[in-house]
Amino acid sequence: MLAATLSWSVWALDLQQAKQQGLIGEQQNGLVGAVQSNAQVNAIVNDINRKRLENYQDIARRTGTSLTVVQSRAGQLNIERTPNGQYVQLADGSWRRK
């Protein structure tokens, strides 16, 4: 259900390119983070995270689940779906290639 309700922004292609280039990675909280920060990367991260949070809040309201639980589940799903070679953030905050 969670995967079906997540929508991707018009930045999706840019997000994918940034992830493939190792600039952005998936975090455990369901958001993306800048692995290598610059103005364009930060703009993509901020836009994607704003839209993801809106979706997560909507899911939490509709399902009666806390935002924290929704984000955690989304984070696990996003990390599982991250292709090998792209970055994911570990619990200690460090980045590693999957």
PDB file of N, CA and C in Angstrom:
ATOM      1  N   MET A   1       0.825  -1.189   0.000  1.00  0.00           N
ATOM      2  CA  MET A   1       0.000   0.000   0.000  1.00  0.00           C
ATOM      3  C   MET A   1       0.871   1.255   0.000  1.00  0.00           C
ATOM      4  N   LEU A   2       1.891   1.286   0.833  1.00  0.00           N
ATOM      5  CA  LEU A   2       2.748   2.457   0.928  1.00  0.00           C
ATOM      6  C   LEU A   2       3.386   2.764  -0.412  1.00  0.00           C
ATOM      7  N   ALA A   3       3.912   1.762  -1.070  1.00  0.00           N
ATOM      8  CA  ALA A   3       4.580   1.979  -2.355  1.00  0.00           C
ATOM      9  C   ALA A   3       3.615   2.533  -3.386  1.00  0.00           C
ATOM     10  N   ALA A   4       2.389   2.104  -3.352  1.00  0.00           N
ATOM     11  CA  ALA A   4       1.411   2.562  -4.334  1.00  0.00           C
ATOM     12  C   ALA A   4       1.002   4.011  -4.096  1.00  0.00           C
ATOM     13  N   THR A   5       1.132   4.496  -2.872  1.00  0.00           N
ATOM     14  CA  THR A   5       0.686   5.850  -2.580  1.00  0.00           C
ATOM     15  C   THR A   5       1.790   6.887  -2.703  1.00  0.00           C
ATOM     16  N   LEU A   6       3.017   6.451  -2.840  1.00  0.00           N
ATOM     17  CA  LEU A   6       4.122   7.387  -2.974  1.00  0.00           C
ATOM     18  C   LEU A   6       4.149   7.929  -4.393  1.00  0.00           C
ATOM     19  N   SER A   7       4.180   9.234  -4.520  1.00  0.00           N
ATOM     20  CA  SER A   7       4.279   9.806  -5.860  1.00  0.00           C
ATOM     21  C   SER A   7       5.616  10.491  -5.993  1.00  0.00           C
ATOM     22  N   TRP A   8       6.101  10.550  -7.223  1.00  0.00           N
ATOM     23  CA  TRP A   8       7.402  11.157  -7.479  1.00  0.00           C
ATOM     24  C   TRP A   8       7.189  12.460  -8.202  1.00  0.00           C
ATOM     25  N   SER A   9       8.048  13.396  -7.937  1.00  0.00           N
ATOM     26  CA  SER A   9       7.913  14.733  -8.488  1.00  0.00           C
ATOM     27  C   SER A   9       8.456  14.828  -9.899  1.00  0.00           C
ATOM     28  N   VAL A  10       8.328  16.027 -10.462  1.00  0.00           N
ATOM     29  CA  VAL A  10       8.897  16.288 -11.776  1.00  0.00           C
ATOM     30  C   VAL A  10      10.411  16.217 -11.735  1.00  0.00           C
ATOM     31  N   TRP A  11      10.983  16.205 -10.554  1.00  0.00           N
ATOM     32  CA  TRP A  11      12.439  16.091 -10.392  1.00  0.00           C
ATOM     33  C   TRP A  11      12.905  14.649 -10.524  1.00  0.00           C
ATOM     34  N   ALA A  12      12.007  13.722 -10.726  1.00  0.00           N
ATOM     35  CA  ALA A  12      12.357  12.298 -10.666  1.00  0.00           C
ATOM     36  C   ALA A  12      13.561  11.947 -11.542  1.00  0.00           C
ATOM     37  N   LEU A  13      13.591  12.427 -12.764  1.00  0.00           N
ATOM     38  CA  LEU A  13      14.726  12.132 -13.633  1.00  0.00           C
ATOM     39  C   LEU A  13      15.996  12.735 -13.052  1.00  0.00           C
ATOM     40  N   ASP A  14      15.933  13.961 -12.588  1.00  0.00           N
ATOM     41  CA  ASP A  14      17.097  14.592 -11.979  1.00  0.00           C
ATOM     42  C   ASP A  14      17.518  13.857 -10.708  1.00  0.00           C
ATOM     43  N   LEU A  15      16.545  13.403  -9.939  1.00  0.00           N
ATOM     44  CA  LEU A  15      16.855  12.631  -8.736  1.00  0.00           C
ATOM     45  C   LEU A  15      17.585  11.354  -9.120  1.00  0.00           C
ATOM     46  N   GLN A  16      17.079  10.647 -10.107  1.00  0.00           N
ATOM     47  CA  GLN A  16      17.719   9.403 -10.521  1.00  0.00           C
ATOM     48  C   GLN A  16      19.133   9.650 -11.039  1.00  0.00           C
ATOM     49  N   GLN A  17      19.308  10.690 -11.808  1.00  0.00           N
ATOM     50  CA  GLN A  17      20.645  11.017 -12.307  1.00  0.00           C
ATOM     51  C   GLN A  17      21.580  11.340 -11.150  1.00  0.00           C
ATOM     52  N   ALA A  18      21.097  12.118 -10.197  1.00  0.00           N
ATOM     53  CA  ALA A  18      21.920  12.483  -9.045  1.00  0.00           C
ATOM     54  C   ALA A  18      22.270  11.254  -8.210  1.00  0.00           C
ATOM     55  N   LYS A  19      21.320  10.321  -8.077  1.00  0.00           N
ATOM     56  CA  LYS A  19      21.595   9.091  -7.334  1.00  0.00           C
ATOM     57  C   LYS A  19      22.618   8.235  -8.079  1.00  0.00           C
ATOM     58  N   GLN A  20      22.471   8.139  -9.397  1.00  0.00           N
ATOM     59  CA  GLN A  20      23.412   7.349 -10.196  1.00  0.00           C
ATOM     60  C   GLN A  20      24.820   7.940 -10.155  1.00  0.00           C
ATOM     61  N   GLN A  21      24.910   9.246 -10.019  1.00  0.00           N
ATOM     62  CA  GLN A  21      26.207   9.914  -9.965  1.00  0.00           C
ATOM     63  C   GLN A  21      26.793   9.928  -8.555  1.00  0.00           C
ATOM     64  N   GLY A  22      26.073   9.368  -7.578  1.00  0.00           N
ATOM     65  CA  GLY A  22      26.568   9.317  -6.210  1.00  0.00           C
ATOM     66  C   GLY A  22      26.453  10.621  -5.454  1.00  0.00           C
ATOM     67  N   LEU A  23      25.570  11.510  -5.902  1.00  0.00           N
ATOM     68  CA  LEU A  23      25.395  12.801  -5.245  1.00  0.00           C
ATOM     69  C   LEU A  23      24.326  12.772  -4.163  1.00  0.00           C
ATOM     70  N   ILE A  24      23.337  11.898  -4.330  1.00  0.00           N
ATOM     71  CA  ILE A  24      22.193  11.798  -3.421  1.00  0.00           C
ATOM     72  C   ILE A  24      21.990  10.338  -3.059  1.00  0.00           C
ATOM     73  N   GLY A  25      21.593  10.101  -1.812  1.00  0.00           N
ATOM     74  CA  GLY A  25      21.310   8.742  -1.369  1.00  0.00           C
ATOM     75  C   GLY A  25      20.047   8.680  -0.538  1.00  0.00           C
ATOM     76  N   GLU A  26      19.592   7.466  -0.318  1.00  0.00           N
ATOM     77  CA  GLU A  26      18.389   7.224   0.481  1.00  0.00           C
ATOM     78  C   GLU A  26      18.755   7.128   1.958  1.00  0.00           C
ATOM     79  N   GLN A  27      17.911   7.717   2.791  1.00  0.00           N
ATOM     80  CA  GLN A  27      18.103   7.691   4.232  1.00  0.00           C
ATOM     81  C   GLN A  27      17.074   6.767   4.877  1.00  0.00           C
ATOM     82  N   GLN A  28      17.344   6.336   6.092  1.00  0.00           N
ATOM     83  CA  GLN A  28      16.461   5.420   6.805  1.00  0.00           C
ATOM     84  C   GLN A  28      15.136   6.066   7.186  1.00  0.00           C
ATOM     85  N   ASN A  29      15.078   7.394   7.186  1.00  0.00           N
ATOM     86  CA  ASN A  29      13.850   8.089   7.568  1.00  0.00           C
ATOM     87  C   ASN A  29      12.929   8.361   6.385  1.00  0.00           C
ATOM     88  N   GLY A  30      13.203   7.729   5.237  1.00  0.00           N
ATOM     89  CA  GLY A  30      12.346   7.880   4.078  1.00  0.00           C
ATOM     90  C   GLY A  30      12.639   9.102   3.238  1.00  0.00           C
ATOM     91  N   LEU A  31      13.606   9.877   3.644  1.00  0.00           N
ATOM     92  CA  LEU A  31      13.991  11.071   2.901  1.00  0.00           C
ATOM     93  C   LEU A  31      15.297  10.802   2.165  1.00  0.00           C
ATOM     94  N   VAL A  32      15.640  11.693   1.247  1.00  0.00           N
ATOM     95  CA  VAL A  32      16.935  11.603   0.583  1.00  0.00           C
ATOM     96  C   VAL A  32      17.880  12.590   1.226  1.00  0.00           C
ATOM     97  N   GLY A  33      19.165  12.343   1.070  1.00  0.00           N
ATOM     98  CA  GLY A  33      20.181  13.227   1.611  1.00  0.00           C
ATOM     99  C   GLY A  33      21.273  13.463   0.597  1.00  0.00           C
ATOM    100  N   ALA A  34      21.965  14.570   0.761  1.00  0.00           N
ATOM    101  CA  ALA A  34      23.068  14.915  -0.133  1.00  0.00           C
ATOM    102  C   ALA A  34      24.323  14.184   0.321  1.00  0.00           C
ATOM    103  N   VAL A  35      24.838  13.324  -0.535  1.00  0.00           N
ATOM    104  CA  VAL A  35      26.106  12.644  -0.277  1.00  0.00           C
ATOM    105  C   VAL A  35      27.233  13.621  -0.581  1.00  0.00           C
ATOM    106  N   GLN A  36      27.087  14.364  -1.683  1.00  0.00           N
ATOM    107  CA  GLN A  36      28.015  15.420  -2.082  1.00  0.00           C
ATOM    108  C   GLN A  36      27.171  16.658  -2.355  1.00  0.00           C
ATOM    109  N   SER A  37      27.307  17.633  -1.516  1.00  0.00           N
ATOM    110  CA  SER A  37      26.424  18.785  -1.539  1.00  0.00           C
ATOM    111  C   SER A  37      26.892  19.878  -2.496  1.00  0.00           C
ATOM    112  N   ASN A  38      25.930  20.428  -3.237  1.00  0.00           N
ATOM    113  CA  ASN A  38      26.111  21.667  -3.982  1.00  0.00           C
ATOM    114  C   ASN A  38      24.723  22.270  -4.151  1.00  0.00           C
ATOM    115  N   ALA A  39      24.628  23.446  -4.737  1.00  0.00           N
ATOM    116  CA  ALA A  39      23.345  24.145  -4.804  1.00  0.00           C
ATOM    117  C   ALA A  39      22.279  23.342  -5.546  1.00  0.00           C
ATOM    118  N   GLN A  40      22.636  22.738  -6.677  1.00  0.00           N
ATOM    119  CA  GLN A  40      21.653  21.976  -7.448  1.00  0.00           C
ATOM    120  C   GLN A  40      21.215  20.725  -6.684  1.00  0.00           C
ATOM    121  N   VAL A  41      22.159  20.031  -6.088  1.00  0.00           N
ATOM    122  CA  VAL A  41      21.840  18.833  -5.309  1.00  0.00           C
ATOM    123  C   VAL A  41      20.938  19.207  -4.140  1.00  0.00           C
ATOM    124  N   ASN A  42      21.278  20.275  -3.429  1.00  0.00           N
ATOM    125  CA  ASN A  42      20.469  20.698  -2.291  1.00  0.00           C
ATOM    126  C   ASN A  42      19.054  21.074  -2.719  1.00  0.00           C
ATOM    127  N   ALA A  43      18.912  21.692  -3.884  1.00  0.00           N
ATOM    128  CA  ALA A  43      17.580  22.056  -4.382  1.00  0.00           C
ATOM    129  C   ALA A  43      16.759  20.797  -4.670  1.00  0.00           C
ATOM    130  N   ILE A  44      17.381  19.791  -5.276  1.00  0.00           N
ATOM    131  CA  ILE A  44      16.682  18.539  -5.555  1.00  0.00           C
ATOM    132  C   ILE A  44      16.292  17.859  -4.241  1.00  0.00           C
ATOM    133  N   VAL A  45      17.235  17.764  -3.313  1.00  0.00           N
ATOM    134  CA  VAL A  45      16.979  17.134  -2.015  1.00  0.00           C
ATOM    135  C   VAL A  45      15.822  17.833  -1.313  1.00  0.00           C
ATOM    136  N   ASN A  46      15.853  19.149  -1.254  1.00  0.00           N
ATOM    137  CA  ASN A  46      14.801  19.890  -0.557  1.00  0.00           C
ATOM    138  C   ASN A  46      13.442  19.686  -1.212  1.00  0.00           C
ATOM    139  N   ASP A  47      13.397  19.713  -2.547  1.00  0.00           N
ATOM    140  CA  ASP A  47      12.137  19.536  -3.255  1.00  0.00           C
ATOM    141  C   ASP A  47      11.581  18.135  -3.049  1.00  0.00           C
ATOM    142  N   ILE A  48      12.415  17.126  -3.234  1.00  0.00           N
ATOM    143  CA  ILE A  48      11.970  15.740  -3.067  1.00  0.00           C
ATOM    144  C   ILE A  48      11.512  15.504  -1.634  1.00  0.00           C
ATOM    145  N   ASN A  49      12.280  15.969  -0.657  1.00  0.00           N
ATOM    146  CA  ASN A  49      11.919  15.731   0.735  1.00  0.00           C
ATOM    147  C   ASN A  49      10.631  16.445   1.128  1.00  0.00           C
ATOM    148  N   ARG A  50      10.413  17.641   0.610  1.00  0.00           N
ATOM    149  CA  ARG A  50       9.166  18.360   0.899  1.00  0.00           C
ATOM    150  C   ARG A  50       7.985  17.554   0.377  1.00  0.00           C
ATOM    151  N   LYS A  51       8.102  17.052  -0.840  1.00  0.00           N
ATOM    152  CA  LYS A  51       7.016  16.281  -1.448  1.00  0.00           C
ATOM    153  C   LYS A  51       6.836  14.929  -0.771  1.00  0.00           C
ATOM    154  N   ARG A  52       7.935  14.298  -0.409  1.00  0.00           N
ATOM    155  CA  ARG A  52       7.820  13.018   0.298  1.00  0.00           C
ATOM    156  C   ARG A  52       7.140  13.221   1.647  1.00  0.00           C
ATOM    157  N   LEU A  53       7.529  14.264   2.376  1.00  0.00           N
ATOM    158  CA  LEU A  53       6.914  14.517   3.682  1.00  0.00           C
ATOM    159  C   LEU A  53       5.423  14.768   3.552  1.00  0.00           C
ATOM    160  N   GLU A  54       5.016  15.500   2.524  1.00  0.00           N
ATOM    161  CA  GLU A  54       3.582  15.712   2.291  1.00  0.00           C
ATOM    162  C   GLU A  54       2.882  14.373   2.091  1.00  0.00           C
ATOM    163  N   ASN A  55       3.465  13.495   1.284  1.00  0.00           N
ATOM    164  CA  ASN A  55       2.888  12.166   1.066  1.00  0.00           C
ATOM    165  C   ASN A  55       2.854  11.352   2.348  1.00  0.00           C
ATOM    166  N   TYR A  56       3.942  11.372   3.084  1.00  0.00           N
ATOM    167  CA  TYR A  56       4.002  10.602   4.329  1.00  0.00           C
ATOM    168  C   TYR A  56       2.967  11.098   5.334  1.00  0.00           C
ATOM    169  N   GLN A  57       2.807  12.413   5.437  1.00  0.00           N
ATOM    170  CA  GLN A  57       1.803  12.968   6.348  1.00  0.00           C
ATOM    171  C   GLN A  57       0.401  12.543   5.929  1.00  0.00           C
ATOM    172  N   ASP A  58       0.153  12.548   4.632  1.00  0.00           N
ATOM    173  CA  ASP A  58      -1.148  12.113   4.122  1.00  0.00           C
ATOM    174  C   ASP A  58      -1.386  10.638   4.440  1.00  0.00           C
ATOM    175  N   ILE A  59      -0.383   9.812   4.213  1.00  0.00           N
ATOM    176  CA  ILE A  59      -0.495   8.380   4.517  1.00  0.00           C
ATOM    177  C   ILE A  59      -0.754   8.175   6.006  1.00  0.00           C
ATOM    178  N   ALA A  60      -0.020   8.892   6.837  1.00  0.00           N
ATOM    179  CA  ALA A  60      -0.192   8.769   8.288  1.00  0.00           C
ATOM    180  C   ALA A  60      -1.614   9.143   8.702  1.00  0.00           C
ATOM    181  N   ARG A  61      -2.135  10.235   8.148  1.00  0.00           N
ATOM    182  CA  ARG A  61      -3.503  10.655   8.474  1.00  0.00           C
ATOM    183  C   ARG A  61      -4.519   9.602   8.020  1.00  0.00           C
ATOM    184  N   ARG A  62      -4.377   9.120   6.794  1.00  0.00           N
ATOM    185  CA  ARG A  62      -5.350   8.174   6.241  1.00  0.00           C
ATOM    186  C   ARG A  62      -5.323   6.821   6.936  1.00  0.00           C
ATOM    187  N   THR A  63      -4.156   6.415   7.407  1.00  0.00           N
ATOM    188  CA  THR A  63      -4.028   5.081   8.006  1.00  0.00           C
ATOM    189  C   THR A  63      -4.039   5.109   9.533  1.00  0.00           C
ATOM    190  N   GLY A  64      -4.036   6.289  10.115  1.00  0.00           N
ATOM    191  CA  GLY A  64      -4.002   6.389  11.568  1.00  0.00           C
ATOM    192  C   GLY A  64      -2.679   5.948  12.155  1.00  0.00           C
ATOM    193  N   THR A  65      -1.635   6.058  11.362  1.00  0.00           N
ATOM    194  CA  THR A  65      -0.284   5.670  11.772  1.00  0.00           C
ATOM    195  C   THR A  65       0.528   6.928  12.041  1.00  0.00           C
ATOM    196  N   SER A  66       1.520   6.823  12.894  1.00  0.00           N
ATOM    197  CA  SER A  66       2.352   7.993  13.165  1.00  0.00           C
ATOM    198  C   SER A  66       3.255   8.290  11.967  1.00  0.00           C
ATOM    199  N   LEU A  67       3.609   9.550  11.820  1.00  0.00           N
ATOM    200  CA  LEU A  67       4.507   9.967  10.747  1.00  0.00           C
ATOM    201  C   LEU A  67       5.842   9.241  10.857  1.00  0.00           C
ATOM    202  N   THR A  68       6.321   9.050  12.062  1.00  0.00           N
ATOM    203  CA  THR A  68       7.598   8.359  12.275  1.00  0.00           C
ATOM    204  C   THR A  68       7.560   6.934  11.730  1.00  0.00           C
ATOM    205  N   VAL A  69       6.466   6.233  11.968  1.00  0.00           N
ATOM    206  CA  VAL A  69       6.333   4.858  11.483  1.00  0.00           C
ATOM    207  C   VAL A  69       6.267   4.846   9.959  1.00  0.00           C
ATOM    208  N   VAL A  70       5.496   5.756   9.377  1.00  0.00           N
ATOM    209  CA  VAL A  70       5.389   5.828   7.919  1.00  0.00           C
ATOM    210  C   VAL A  70       6.758   6.113   7.308  1.00  0.00           C
ATOM    211  N   GLN A  71       7.489   7.065   7.869  1.00  0.00           N
ATOM    212  CA  GLN A  71       8.818   7.396   7.352  1.00  0.00           C
ATOM    213  C   GLN A  71       9.773   6.218   7.479  1.00  0.00           C
ATOM    214  N   SER A  72       9.723   5.526   8.593  1.00  0.00           N
ATOM    215  CA  SER A  72      10.607   4.381   8.802  1.00  0.00           C
ATOM    216  C   SER A  72      10.322   3.278   7.787  1.00  0.00           C
ATOM    217  N   ARG A  73       9.053   2.995   7.565  1.00  0.00           N
ATOM    218  CA  ARG A  73       8.680   1.957   6.592  1.00  0.00           C
ATOM    219  C   ARG A  73       9.083   2.378   5.183  1.00  0.00           C
ATOM    220  N   ALA A  74       8.852   3.644   4.857  1.00  0.00           N
ATOM    221  CA  ALA A  74       9.235   4.144   3.530  1.00  0.00           C
ATOM    222  C   ALA A  74      10.747   4.080   3.364  1.00  0.00           C
ATOM    223  N   GLY A  75      11.488   4.427   4.413  1.00  0.00           N
ATOM    224  CA  GLY A  75      12.944   4.371   4.359  1.00  0.00           C
ATOM    225  C   GLY A  75      13.439   2.964   4.086  1.00  0.00           C
ATOM    226  N   GLN A  76      12.865   1.981   4.783  1.00  0.00           N
ATOM    227  CA  GLN A  76      13.251   0.589   4.559  1.00  0.00           C
ATOM    228  C   GLN A  76      12.962   0.172   3.121  1.00  0.00           C
ATOM    229  N   LEU A  77      11.777   0.523   2.641  1.00  0.00           N
ATOM    230  CA  LEU A  77      11.384   0.174   1.277  1.00  0.00           C
ATOM    231  C   LEU A  77      12.297   0.843   0.253  1.00  0.00           C
ATOM    232  N   ASN A  78      12.570   2.125   0.437  1.00  0.00           N
ATOM    233  CA  ASN A  78      13.432   2.856  -0.498  1.00  0.00           C
ATOM    234  C   ASN A  78      14.841   2.291  -0.516  1.00  0.00           C
ATOM    235  N   ILE A  79      15.360   1.946   0.643  1.00  0.00           N
ATOM    236  CA  ILE A  79      16.705   1.372   0.714  1.00  0.00           C
ATOM    237  C   ILE A  79      16.733  -0.001   0.056  1.00  0.00           C
ATOM    238  N   GLU A  80      15.701  -0.807   0.296  1.00  0.00           N
ATOM    239  CA  GLU A  80      15.634  -2.131  -0.353  1.00  0.00           C
ATOM    240  C   GLU A  80      15.612  -1.991  -1.870  1.00  0.00           C
ATOM    241  N   ARG A  81      14.934  -0.979  -2.364  1.00  0.00           N
ATOM    242  CA  ARG A  81      14.794  -0.776  -3.809  1.00  0.00           C
ATOM    243  C   ARG A  81      15.983  -0.060  -4.439  1.00  0.00           C
ATOM    244  N   THR A  82      16.872   0.460  -3.626  1.00  0.00           N
ATOM    245  CA  THR A  82      18.031   1.164  -4.157  1.00  0.00           C
ATOM    246  C   THR A  82      18.933   0.181  -4.893  1.00  0.00           C
ATOM    247  N   PRO A  83      19.245   0.472  -6.147  1.00  0.00           N
ATOM    248  CA  PRO A  83      20.100  -0.439  -6.914  1.00  0.00           C
ATOM    249  C   PRO A  83      21.526  -0.477  -6.350  1.00  0.00           C
ATOM    250  N   ASN A  84      22.194  -1.589  -6.571  1.00  0.00           N
ATOM    251  CA  ASN A  84      23.600  -1.698  -6.187  1.00  0.00           C
ATOM    252  C   ASN A  84      24.386  -0.574  -6.846  1.00  0.00           C
ATOM    253  N   GLY A  85      25.327  -0.040  -6.108  1.00  0.00           N
ATOM    254  CA  GLY A  85      26.176   1.028  -6.616  1.00  0.00           C
ATOM    255  C   GLY A  85      25.712   2.413  -6.198  1.00  0.00           C
ATOM    256  N   GLN A  86      24.468   2.525  -5.721  1.00  0.00           N
ATOM    257  CA  GLN A  86      23.974   3.821  -5.253  1.00  0.00           C
ATOM    258  C   GLN A  86      24.112   3.891  -3.737  1.00  0.00           C
ATOM    259  N   TYR A  87      24.042   5.102  -3.199  1.00  0.00           N
ATOM    260  CA  TYR A  87      24.294   5.313  -1.777  1.00  0.00           C
ATOM    261  C   TYR A  87      23.055   5.167  -0.912  1.00  0.00           C
ATOM    262  N   VAL A  88      23.280   4.592   0.260  1.00  0.00           N
ATOM    263  CA  VAL A  88      22.282   4.543   1.326  1.00  0.00           C
ATOM    264  C   VAL A  88      22.978   5.003   2.607  1.00  0.00           C
ATOM    265  N   GLN A  89      22.193   5.605   3.482  1.00  0.00           N
ATOM    266  CA  GLN A  89      22.761   6.094   4.731  1.00  0.00           C
ATOM    267  C   GLN A  89      22.583   5.046   5.824  1.00  0.00           C
ATOM    268  N   LEU A  90      23.637   4.799   6.555  1.00  0.00           N
ATOM    269  CA  LEU A  90      23.617   3.850   7.660  1.00  0.00           C
ATOM    270  C   LEU A  90      23.066   4.519   8.913  1.00  0.00           C
ATOM    271  N   ALA A  91      22.759   3.728   9.913  1.00  0.00           N
ATOM    272  CA  ALA A  91      22.188   4.240  11.166  1.00  0.00           C
ATOM    273  C   ALA A  91      23.088   5.277  11.831  1.00  0.00           C
ATOM    274  N   ASP A  92      24.405   5.162  11.638  1.00  0.00           N
ATOM    275  CA  ASP A  92      25.326   6.117  12.271  1.00  0.00           C
ATOM    276  C   ASP A  92      25.471   7.410  11.464  1.00  0.00           C
ATOM    277  N   GLY A  93      24.737   7.529  10.355  1.00  0.00           N
ATOM    278  CA  GLY A  93      24.788   8.742   9.544  1.00  0.00           C
ATOM    279  C   GLY A  93      25.791   8.708   8.408  1.00  0.00           C
ATOM    280  N   SER A  94      26.612   7.667   8.354  1.00  0.00           N
ATOM    281  CA  SER A  94      27.592   7.573   7.282  1.00  0.00           C
ATOM    282  C   SER A  94      26.932   7.013   6.023  1.00  0.00           C
ATOM    283  N   TRP A  95      27.547   7.292   4.887  1.00  0.00           N
ATOM    284  CA  TRP A  95      27.038   6.822   3.605  1.00  0.00           C
ATOM    285  C   TRP A  95      27.859   5.646   3.115  1.00  0.00           C
ATOM    286  N   ARG A  96      27.197   4.687   2.460  1.00  0.00           N
ATOM    287  CA  ARG A  96      27.913   3.588   1.835  1.00  0.00           C
ATOM    288  C   ARG A  96      27.199   3.225   0.541  1.00  0.00           C
ATOM    289  N   ARG A  97      27.983   2.726  -0.388  1.00  0.00           N
ATOM    290  CA  ARG A  97      27.387   2.224  -1.638  1.00  0.00           C
ATOM    291  C   ARG A  97      26.761   0.872  -1.350  1.00  0.00           C
ATOM    292  N   LYS A  98      25.608   0.686  -1.886  1.00  0.00           N
ATOM    293  CA  LYS A  98      24.905  -0.576  -1.702  1.00  0.00           C
ATOM    294  C   LYS A  98      25.493  -1.623  -2.619  1.00  0.00           C
TER     295      LYS A  98
END
